[in-house]
C-alpha cells in the first residue's frame, strides 16, 4: 500500500519547515506529501515549494482543505497531519502495519502535547484514554484511513468545527480504530494561549453541545 500525507495549512510558515523536514525520510521511501493552503498571507506556500512538496490551494477550513488533498492523493492510505504536529520515526511503516491485516479501516496515534504547563501531560493522557474508550479521534492524533473507507463515508464533512469527531463517528460504522501507542507530538500553543483549564472546559462544553445536536457553525462562532 502507498501512503499519502495531507497537511492543511493557514499561515504556518514558522512551523512548516520543521514539519516538512521531519517527513523527508518518508518521502525518500515513496510517501506522498501534499500541502493544502487555505489562503495564507505569509510564506507558507513558498516554504512548501522550497521543500519540493506538492502544494494545492483550497477554500479555507481544515475539512475543505483535507478533502481537496485527499481528492488529489494517489495513496491507498491517507494520513491527515496538522502543521504543528510531528510524527514518530517510521510512521509510514507503523500506519501500514496497523491497517495491513484488514481488521481496521482507519486509526490514529496517541498524542503528546508540547508545552511548559505540566497539566498538558494529563490532558494528552486523557485524550488518548477517551479515544480508546469511545473510538473517537481528534485531528491532533493524526488520523489515518484507507482510501476506500474515506470514500465510503464521503470524506470529512465540510463544517467549520468537529469535522474530526464527525469523521470518526462515520468511520466507526466500518470498524473500530487502530489505536497506535506510538506518539505524535503536537504544539500546546492553543492551551498556553487561552489557558489550560479554560481550554479544557471550553472543549468539553463544545463536545457536549455537539453531542446534543448544536450545529457546528454555531459552535465555531462560540469557539472563536
Foldseek 3Di string as FASTA:
>chain_A
DAEEEEEEDAQCVVQQLVQLVLCVVVVVVPHAYEYEYQDHPDCPVVSCVVSVHHYHYFHDALQGRVVVVLVPDPGQKYWYAYSQKHFDPPVVVVQCVLPVVVQAQKAFEQEQEDDDDPCSRVVSVVLLVVCVVPLQHDNNRTIMGGSVLCVVLPHFDRFRPCSSRVSSVSRVVVHRHRYHHGYMYGYPCVCVVVPVVVVVVLVVVLVVVVVVPDGRNVSVVVVD
